[in-house]
Amino acid sequence: SEMRKKLGLWVDGKIILFVGGINVRKGVHILLDAFISLEKKYPDIKLLIVGPTYKYDKKYISDIKEKIMNLNLSGKVILTENNIPNVHEYMQCSDIFTLPSRQEGFPISILEAMSSGLIVIGSDIPEIARAQITNGKDGFVFPVGNSQKLAEVFEIVLNNESANKQISEEARNKVISKWSTEIVDKSYKDLYSSI
């Protein structure tokens, strides 16, 4: 709660976090729609959208802001709108991390969130569903572009506090065993040595 105060966030409630560019490819509108469908049923959930808006489609960002305003969600949704150098602090303050992207390379934000012990939810694109998250074991995936299915996954997470600890531990262990600095450095060293 001290960290939340430091960052000017809500002290109480569950925070759903998104980190990345605010654009169509990242699926921020999908996340917002899923949040909207649940916020009355789960009044303690909040949505924190961390990332820059200045370099993306102004109409897209304006539509998102307008939707937040029109539905009186300003007290429940925060857009930082800037590049954030202390992303790890925002992760430490949050409970659930979501990346609803249509397309990705190998998203480091998923690994950072798993390493931080967050419950991680990503779209079922191969770069996430096959390469990073084992659905139901160390995180969750949902069909890309489907805000209703994302909302259903949020409900699973919000209604199963006891299972979340195990999923969070599995996620952290996976990151440490597969993608820690030592593991990645050794892989690069082995690759260079083989050339």
C-alpha atoms as a PDB file:
ATOM      1  CA  SER A   1       0.000   0.000   0.000  1.00  0.00           C
ATOM      2  CA  GLU A   2       2.968   2.343   0.551  1.00  0.00           C
ATOM      3  CA  MET A   3       4.063   1.810  -3.048  1.00  0.00           C
ATOM      4  CA  ARG A   4       0.523   2.468  -4.285  1.00  0.00           C
ATOM      5  CA  LYS A   5       0.471   5.730  -2.329  1.00  0.00           C
ATOM      6  CA  LYS A   6       3.871   6.702  -3.733  1.00  0.00           C
ATOM      7  CA  LEU A   7       2.604   6.188  -7.298  1.00  0.00           C
ATOM      8  CA  GLY A   8      -0.713   7.960  -6.640  1.00  0.00           C
ATOM      9  CA  LEU A   9      -2.780   4.804  -7.132  1.00  0.00           C
ATOM     10  CA  TRP A  10      -5.765   3.384  -5.314  1.00  0.00           C
ATOM     11  CA  VAL A  11      -4.788   2.011  -1.913  1.00  0.00           C
ATOM     12  CA  ASP A  12      -7.609  -0.553  -1.820  1.00  0.00           C
ATOM     13  CA  GLY A  13      -8.912  -3.066  -4.333  1.00  0.00           C
ATOM     14  CA  LYS A  14      -7.499  -5.316  -7.021  1.00  0.00           C
ATOM     15  CA  ILE A  15      -5.536  -3.661  -9.796  1.00  0.00           C
ATOM     16  CA  ILE A  16      -5.590  -5.049 -13.328  1.00  0.00           C
ATOM     17  CA  LEU A  17      -2.473  -3.801 -15.115  1.00  0.00           C
ATOM     18  CA  PHE A  18      -1.634  -3.299 -18.776  1.00  0.00           C
ATOM     19  CA  VAL A  19       1.829  -2.143 -19.860  1.00  0.00           C
ATOM     20  CA  GLY A  20       2.611  -1.105 -23.423  1.00  0.00           C
ATOM     21  CA  GLY A  21       1.709   1.258 -26.208  1.00  0.00           C
ATOM     22  CA  ILE A  22      -1.921   2.374 -26.235  1.00  0.00           C
ATOM     23  CA  ASN A  23      -2.903   1.166 -29.702  1.00  0.00           C
ATOM     24  CA  VAL A  24      -5.149  -1.212 -31.626  1.00  0.00           C
ATOM     25  CA  ARG A  25      -2.471  -3.895 -32.003  1.00  0.00           C
ATOM     26  CA  LYS A  26      -2.058  -4.107 -28.233  1.00  0.00           C
ATOM     27  CA  GLY A  27      -5.832  -4.524 -27.808  1.00  0.00           C
ATOM     28  CA  VAL A  28      -6.363  -1.918 -25.097  1.00  0.00           C
ATOM     29  CA  HIS A  29      -9.990  -1.475 -26.254  1.00  0.00           C
ATOM     30  CA  ILE A  30     -10.579  -5.228 -25.697  1.00  0.00           C
ATOM     31  CA  LEU A  31      -9.246  -4.912 -22.155  1.00  0.00           C
ATOM     32  CA  LEU A  32     -11.373  -1.833 -21.461  1.00  0.00           C
ATOM     33  CA  ASP A  33     -14.541  -3.554 -22.755  1.00  0.00           C
ATOM     34  CA  ALA A  34     -13.879  -6.617 -20.570  1.00  0.00           C
ATOM     35  CA  PHE A  35     -13.313  -4.363 -17.560  1.00  0.00           C
ATOM     36  CA  ILE A  36     -16.521  -2.415 -18.254  1.00  0.00           C
ATOM     37  CA  SER A  37     -18.546  -5.633 -18.353  1.00  0.00           C
ATOM     38  CA  LEU A  38     -17.322  -6.586 -14.846  1.00  0.00           C
ATOM     39  CA  GLU A  39     -16.764  -3.382 -12.894  1.00  0.00           C
ATOM     40  CA  LYS A  40     -20.256  -3.217 -11.407  1.00  0.00           C
ATOM     41  CA  LYS A  41     -20.219  -6.874 -10.332  1.00  0.00           C
ATOM     42  CA  TYR A  42     -16.728  -6.457  -8.826  1.00  0.00           C
ATOM     43  CA  PRO A  43     -16.703  -2.898  -7.462  1.00  0.00           C
ATOM     44  CA  ASP A  44     -13.208  -3.210  -5.971  1.00  0.00           C
ATOM     45  CA  ILE A  45     -11.417  -3.825  -9.318  1.00  0.00           C
ATOM     46  CA  LYS A  46      -9.435  -1.025 -10.935  1.00  0.00           C
ATOM     47  CA  LEU A  47      -7.748  -0.761 -14.336  1.00  0.00           C
ATOM     48  CA  LEU A  48      -4.272   0.715 -14.710  1.00  0.00           C
ATOM     49  CA  ILE A  49      -3.119   1.343 -18.295  1.00  0.00           C
ATOM     50  CA  VAL A  50       0.594   2.154 -18.254  1.00  0.00           C
ATOM     51  CA  GLY A  51       2.173   3.381 -21.448  1.00  0.00           C
ATOM     52  CA  PRO A  52       2.592   6.206 -23.907  1.00  0.00           C
ATOM     53  CA  THR A  53      -0.223   7.724 -25.955  1.00  0.00           C
ATOM     54  CA  TYR A  54       1.675  10.509 -27.753  1.00  0.00           C
ATOM     55  CA  LYS A  55       2.983   8.379 -30.620  1.00  0.00           C
ATOM     56  CA  TYR A  56      -0.162   6.440 -31.530  1.00  0.00           C
ATOM     57  CA  ASP A  57      -3.497   6.940 -33.291  1.00  0.00           C
ATOM     58  CA  LYS A  58      -5.050  10.004 -31.648  1.00  0.00           C
ATOM     59  CA  LYS A  59      -8.611   8.966 -32.589  1.00  0.00           C
ATOM     60  CA  TYR A  60      -8.153   5.531 -30.974  1.00  0.00           C
ATOM     61  CA  ILE A  61      -6.865   7.098 -27.753  1.00  0.00           C
ATOM     62  CA  SER A  62      -9.557   9.762 -27.798  1.00  0.00           C
ATOM     63  CA  ASP A  63     -12.260   7.053 -28.176  1.00  0.00           C
ATOM     64  CA  ILE A  64     -10.854   5.182 -25.177  1.00  0.00           C
ATOM     65  CA  LYS A  65     -10.746   8.317 -23.037  1.00  0.00           C
ATOM     66  CA  GLU A  66     -14.258   9.284 -24.125  1.00  0.00           C
ATOM     67  CA  LYS A  67     -15.620   5.852 -23.209  1.00  0.00           C
ATOM     68  CA  ILE A  68     -14.006   6.093 -19.755  1.00  0.00           C
ATOM     69  CA  MET A  69     -15.500   9.572 -19.233  1.00  0.00           C
ATOM     70  CA  ASN A  70     -18.971   8.740 -20.586  1.00  0.00           C
ATOM     71  CA  LEU A  71     -19.259   5.724 -18.281  1.00  0.00           C
ATOM     72  CA  ASN A  72     -18.015   7.707 -15.256  1.00  0.00           C
ATOM     73  CA  LEU A  73     -15.034   5.392 -14.815  1.00  0.00           C
ATOM     74  CA  SER A  74     -12.407   8.073 -14.174  1.00  0.00           C
ATOM     75  CA  GLY A  75     -12.158   6.907 -10.559  1.00  0.00           C
ATOM     76  CA  LYS A  76     -11.588   3.302 -11.625  1.00  0.00           C
ATOM     77  CA  VAL A  77      -9.369   3.616 -14.704  1.00  0.00           C
ATOM     78  CA  ILE A  78      -6.007   5.390 -14.937  1.00  0.00           C
ATOM     79  CA  LEU A  79      -4.037   6.009 -18.143  1.00  0.00           C
ATOM     80  CA  THR A  80      -0.502   7.154 -17.378  1.00  0.00           C
ATOM     81  CA  GLU A  81      -0.096   8.352 -21.010  1.00  0.00           C
ATOM     82  CA  ASN A  82       3.717   8.552 -20.738  1.00  0.00           C
ATOM     83  CA  ASN A  83       6.704   6.263 -20.957  1.00  0.00           C
ATOM     84  CA  ILE A  84       7.256   4.903 -17.466  1.00  0.00           C
ATOM     85  CA  PRO A  85      10.814   4.099 -16.345  1.00  0.00           C
ATOM     86  CA  ASN A  86       9.709   2.325 -13.131  1.00  0.00           C
ATOM     87  CA  VAL A  87       7.382  -0.305 -14.602  1.00  0.00           C
ATOM     88  CA  HIS A  88       8.530  -2.784 -11.937  1.00  0.00           C
ATOM     89  CA  GLU A  89       6.948  -0.592  -9.240  1.00  0.00           C
ATOM     90  CA  TYR A  90       3.606  -0.597 -11.056  1.00  0.00           C
ATOM     91  CA  MET A  91       3.847  -4.387 -11.292  1.00  0.00           C
ATOM     92  CA  GLN A  92       4.592  -4.648  -7.568  1.00  0.00           C
ATOM     93  CA  CYS A  93       1.384  -2.677  -6.871  1.00  0.00           C
ATOM     94  CA  SER A  94      -0.861  -4.775  -9.116  1.00  0.00           C
ATOM     95  CA  ASP A  95      -2.656  -8.107  -8.891  1.00  0.00           C
ATOM     96  CA  ILE A  96      -3.406  -9.149 -12.477  1.00  0.00           C
ATOM     97  CA  PHE A  97      -1.443  -8.400 -15.632  1.00  0.00           C
ATOM     98  CA  THR A  98      -3.159  -8.493 -19.032  1.00  0.00           C
ATOM     99  CA  LEU A  99      -1.725  -8.339 -22.539  1.00  0.00           C
ATOM    100  CA  PRO A 100      -4.593  -8.619 -25.063  1.00  0.00           C
ATOM    101  CA  SER A 101      -2.387  -8.124 -28.148  1.00  0.00           C
ATOM    102  CA  ARG A 102      -3.270  -9.140 -31.690  1.00  0.00           C
ATOM    103  CA  GLN A 103       0.397  -9.493 -32.575  1.00  0.00           C
ATOM    104  CA  GLU A 104       3.664  -9.678 -30.636  1.00  0.00           C
ATOM    105  CA  GLY A 105       7.253 -10.809 -31.006  1.00  0.00           C
ATOM    106  CA  PHE A 106       8.226 -12.301 -27.654  1.00  0.00           C
ATOM    107  CA  PRO A 107       6.672  -9.934 -25.114  1.00  0.00           C
ATOM    108  CA  ILE A 108       9.074  -9.254 -22.267  1.00  0.00           C
ATOM    109  CA  SER A 109       6.260  -7.623 -20.259  1.00  0.00           C
ATOM    110  CA  ILE A 110       4.675 -11.082 -19.802  1.00  0.00           C
ATOM    111  CA  LEU A 111       7.926 -12.425 -18.337  1.00  0.00           C
ATOM    112  CA  GLU A 112       8.319  -9.366 -16.099  1.00  0.00           C
ATOM    113  CA  ALA A 113       4.771  -9.815 -14.798  1.00  0.00           C
ATOM    114  CA  MET A 114       5.257 -13.550 -14.213  1.00  0.00           C
ATOM    115  CA  SER A 115       8.512 -12.809 -12.421  1.00  0.00           C
ATOM    116  CA  SER A 116       6.700 -10.246 -10.242  1.00  0.00           C
ATOM    117  CA  GLY A 117       4.212 -12.905  -9.116  1.00  0.00           C
ATOM    118  CA  LEU A 118       1.217 -11.431 -10.921  1.00  0.00           C
ATOM    119  CA  ILE A 119      -1.561 -13.535 -12.376  1.00  0.00           C
ATOM    120  CA  VAL A 120      -0.926 -13.139 -16.096  1.00  0.00           C
ATOM    121  CA  ILE A 121      -3.579 -13.211 -18.826  1.00  0.00           C
ATOM    122  CA  GLY A 122      -2.643 -12.961 -22.485  1.00  0.00           C
ATOM    123  CA  SER A 123      -4.303 -13.409 -25.838  1.00  0.00           C
ATOM    124  CA  ASP A 124      -3.896 -16.847 -27.418  1.00  0.00           C
ATOM    125  CA  ILE A 125      -1.496 -15.732 -30.130  1.00  0.00           C
ATOM    126  CA  PRO A 126       1.341 -18.287 -30.528  1.00  0.00           C
ATOM    127  CA  GLU A 127       4.002 -15.943 -29.133  1.00  0.00           C
ATOM    128  CA  ILE A 128       2.132 -15.960 -25.818  1.00  0.00           C
ATOM    129  CA  ALA A 129       0.068 -19.162 -25.744  1.00  0.00           C
ATOM    130  CA  ARG A 130       2.768 -21.496 -27.035  1.00  0.00           C
ATOM    131  CA  ALA A 131       5.935 -19.739 -25.984  1.00  0.00           C
ATOM    132  CA  GLN A 132       5.133 -18.271 -22.569  1.00  0.00           C
ATOM    133  CA  ILE A 133       1.895 -19.235 -20.792  1.00  0.00           C
ATOM    134  CA  THR A 134       0.602 -22.718 -20.084  1.00  0.00           C
ATOM    135  CA  ASN A 135      -3.123 -21.998 -19.766  1.00  0.00           C
ATOM    136  CA  GLY A 136      -4.479 -22.652 -16.277  1.00  0.00           C
ATOM    137  CA  LYS A 137      -1.084 -23.673 -14.897  1.00  0.00           C
ATOM    138  CA  ASP A 138       1.090 -20.541 -14.823  1.00  0.00           C
ATOM    139  CA  GLY A 139      -1.334 -18.014 -16.309  1.00  0.00           C
ATOM    140  CA  PHE A 140      -4.313 -17.814 -18.624  1.00  0.00           C
ATOM    141  CA  VAL A 141      -4.995 -17.198 -22.293  1.00  0.00           C
ATOM    142  CA  PHE A 142      -8.170 -16.102 -24.055  1.00  0.00           C
ATOM    143  CA  PRO A 143      -9.177 -15.973 -27.743  1.00  0.00           C
ATOM    144  CA  VAL A 144      -7.593 -12.923 -29.355  1.00  0.00           C
ATOM    145  CA  GLY A 145      -9.992 -10.009 -29.782  1.00  0.00           C
ATOM    146  CA  ASN A 146     -12.742 -11.527 -27.613  1.00  0.00           C
ATOM    147  CA  SER A 147     -13.533  -9.169 -24.726  1.00  0.00           C
ATOM    148  CA  GLN A 148     -16.284 -11.442 -23.379  1.00  0.00           C
ATOM    149  CA  LYS A 149     -13.886 -14.380 -23.066  1.00  0.00           C
ATOM    150  CA  LEU A 150     -11.345 -12.091 -21.400  1.00  0.00           C
ATOM    151  CA  ALA A 151     -14.033 -11.041 -18.908  1.00  0.00           C
ATOM    152  CA  GLU A 152     -14.723 -14.726 -18.205  1.00  0.00           C
ATOM    153  CA  VAL A 153     -11.040 -15.308 -17.445  1.00  0.00           C
ATOM    154  CA  PHE A 154     -11.054 -12.284 -15.125  1.00  0.00           C
ATOM    155  CA  GLU A 155     -13.986 -13.859 -13.285  1.00  0.00           C
ATOM    156  CA  ILE A 156     -12.117 -17.151 -12.914  1.00  0.00           C
ATOM    157  CA  VAL A 157      -9.180 -15.276 -11.381  1.00  0.00           C
ATOM    158  CA  LEU A 158     -11.305 -13.017  -9.165  1.00  0.00           C
ATOM    159  CA  ASN A 159     -13.333 -15.962  -7.837  1.00  0.00           C
ATOM    160  CA  ASN A 160     -10.434 -18.341  -7.133  1.00  0.00           C
ATOM    161  CA  GLU A 161      -8.103 -16.607  -4.713  1.00  0.00           C
ATOM    162  CA  SER A 162      -6.834 -19.924  -3.352  1.00  0.00           C
ATOM    163  CA  ALA A 163      -5.682 -21.147  -6.784  1.00  0.00           C
ATOM    164  CA  ASN A 164      -4.005 -17.838  -7.641  1.00  0.00           C
ATOM    165  CA  LYS A 165      -1.091 -18.361  -5.246  1.00  0.00           C
ATOM    166  CA  GLN A 166      -0.142 -21.650  -6.906  1.00  0.00           C
ATOM    167  CA  ILE A 167      -0.466 -20.176 -10.413  1.00  0.00           C
ATOM    168  CA  SER A 168       1.638 -17.185  -9.409  1.00  0.00           C
ATOM    169  CA  GLU A 169       4.365 -19.454  -7.950  1.00  0.00           C
ATOM    170  CA  GLU A 170       4.357 -21.641 -11.084  1.00  0.00           C
ATOM    171  CA  ALA A 171       4.747 -18.537 -13.250  1.00  0.00           C
ATOM    172  CA  ARG A 172       7.660 -17.167 -11.240  1.00  0.00           C
ATOM    173  CA  ASN A 173       9.415 -20.562 -11.184  1.00  0.00           C
ATOM    174  CA  LYS A 174       8.983 -20.898 -14.947  1.00  0.00           C
ATOM    175  CA  VAL A 175      10.587 -17.520 -15.612  1.00  0.00           C
ATOM    176  CA  ILE A 176      13.501 -18.262 -13.292  1.00  0.00           C
ATOM    177  CA  SER A 177      14.139 -21.713 -14.790  1.00  0.00           C
ATOM    178  CA  LYS A 178      13.785 -20.693 -18.464  1.00  0.00           C
ATOM    179  CA  TRP A 179      14.502 -16.984 -18.842  1.00  0.00           C
ATOM    180  CA  SER A 180      16.657 -15.774 -15.959  1.00  0.00           C
ATOM    181  CA  THR A 181      19.647 -13.607 -16.885  1.00  0.00           C
ATOM    182  CA  GLU A 182      22.004 -16.507 -16.201  1.00  0.00           C
ATOM    183  CA  ILE A 183      20.063 -18.906 -18.446  1.00  0.00           C
ATOM    184  CA  VAL A 184      19.779 -16.411 -21.310  1.00  0.00           C
ATOM    185  CA  ASP A 185      23.461 -15.382 -21.012  1.00  0.00           C
ATOM    186  CA  LYS A 186      24.534 -19.036 -21.141  1.00  0.00           C
ATOM    187  CA  SER A 187      22.356 -19.655 -24.206  1.00  0.00           C
ATOM    188  CA  TYR A 188      23.950 -16.713 -26.018  1.00  0.00           C
ATOM    189  CA  LYS A 189      27.436 -17.816 -24.992  1.00  0.00           C
ATOM    190  CA  ASP A 190      26.751 -21.371 -26.209  1.00  0.00           C
ATOM    191  CA  LEU A 191      25.406 -20.005 -29.500  1.00  0.00           C
ATOM    192  CA  TYR A 192      28.460 -17.799 -30.082  1.00  0.00           C
ATOM    193  CA  SER A 193      30.810 -20.646 -29.177  1.00  0.00           C
ATOM    194  CA  SER A 194      29.140 -22.927 -31.700  1.00  0.00           C
ATOM    195  CA  ILE A 195      29.706 -20.511 -34.600  1.00  0.00           C
END
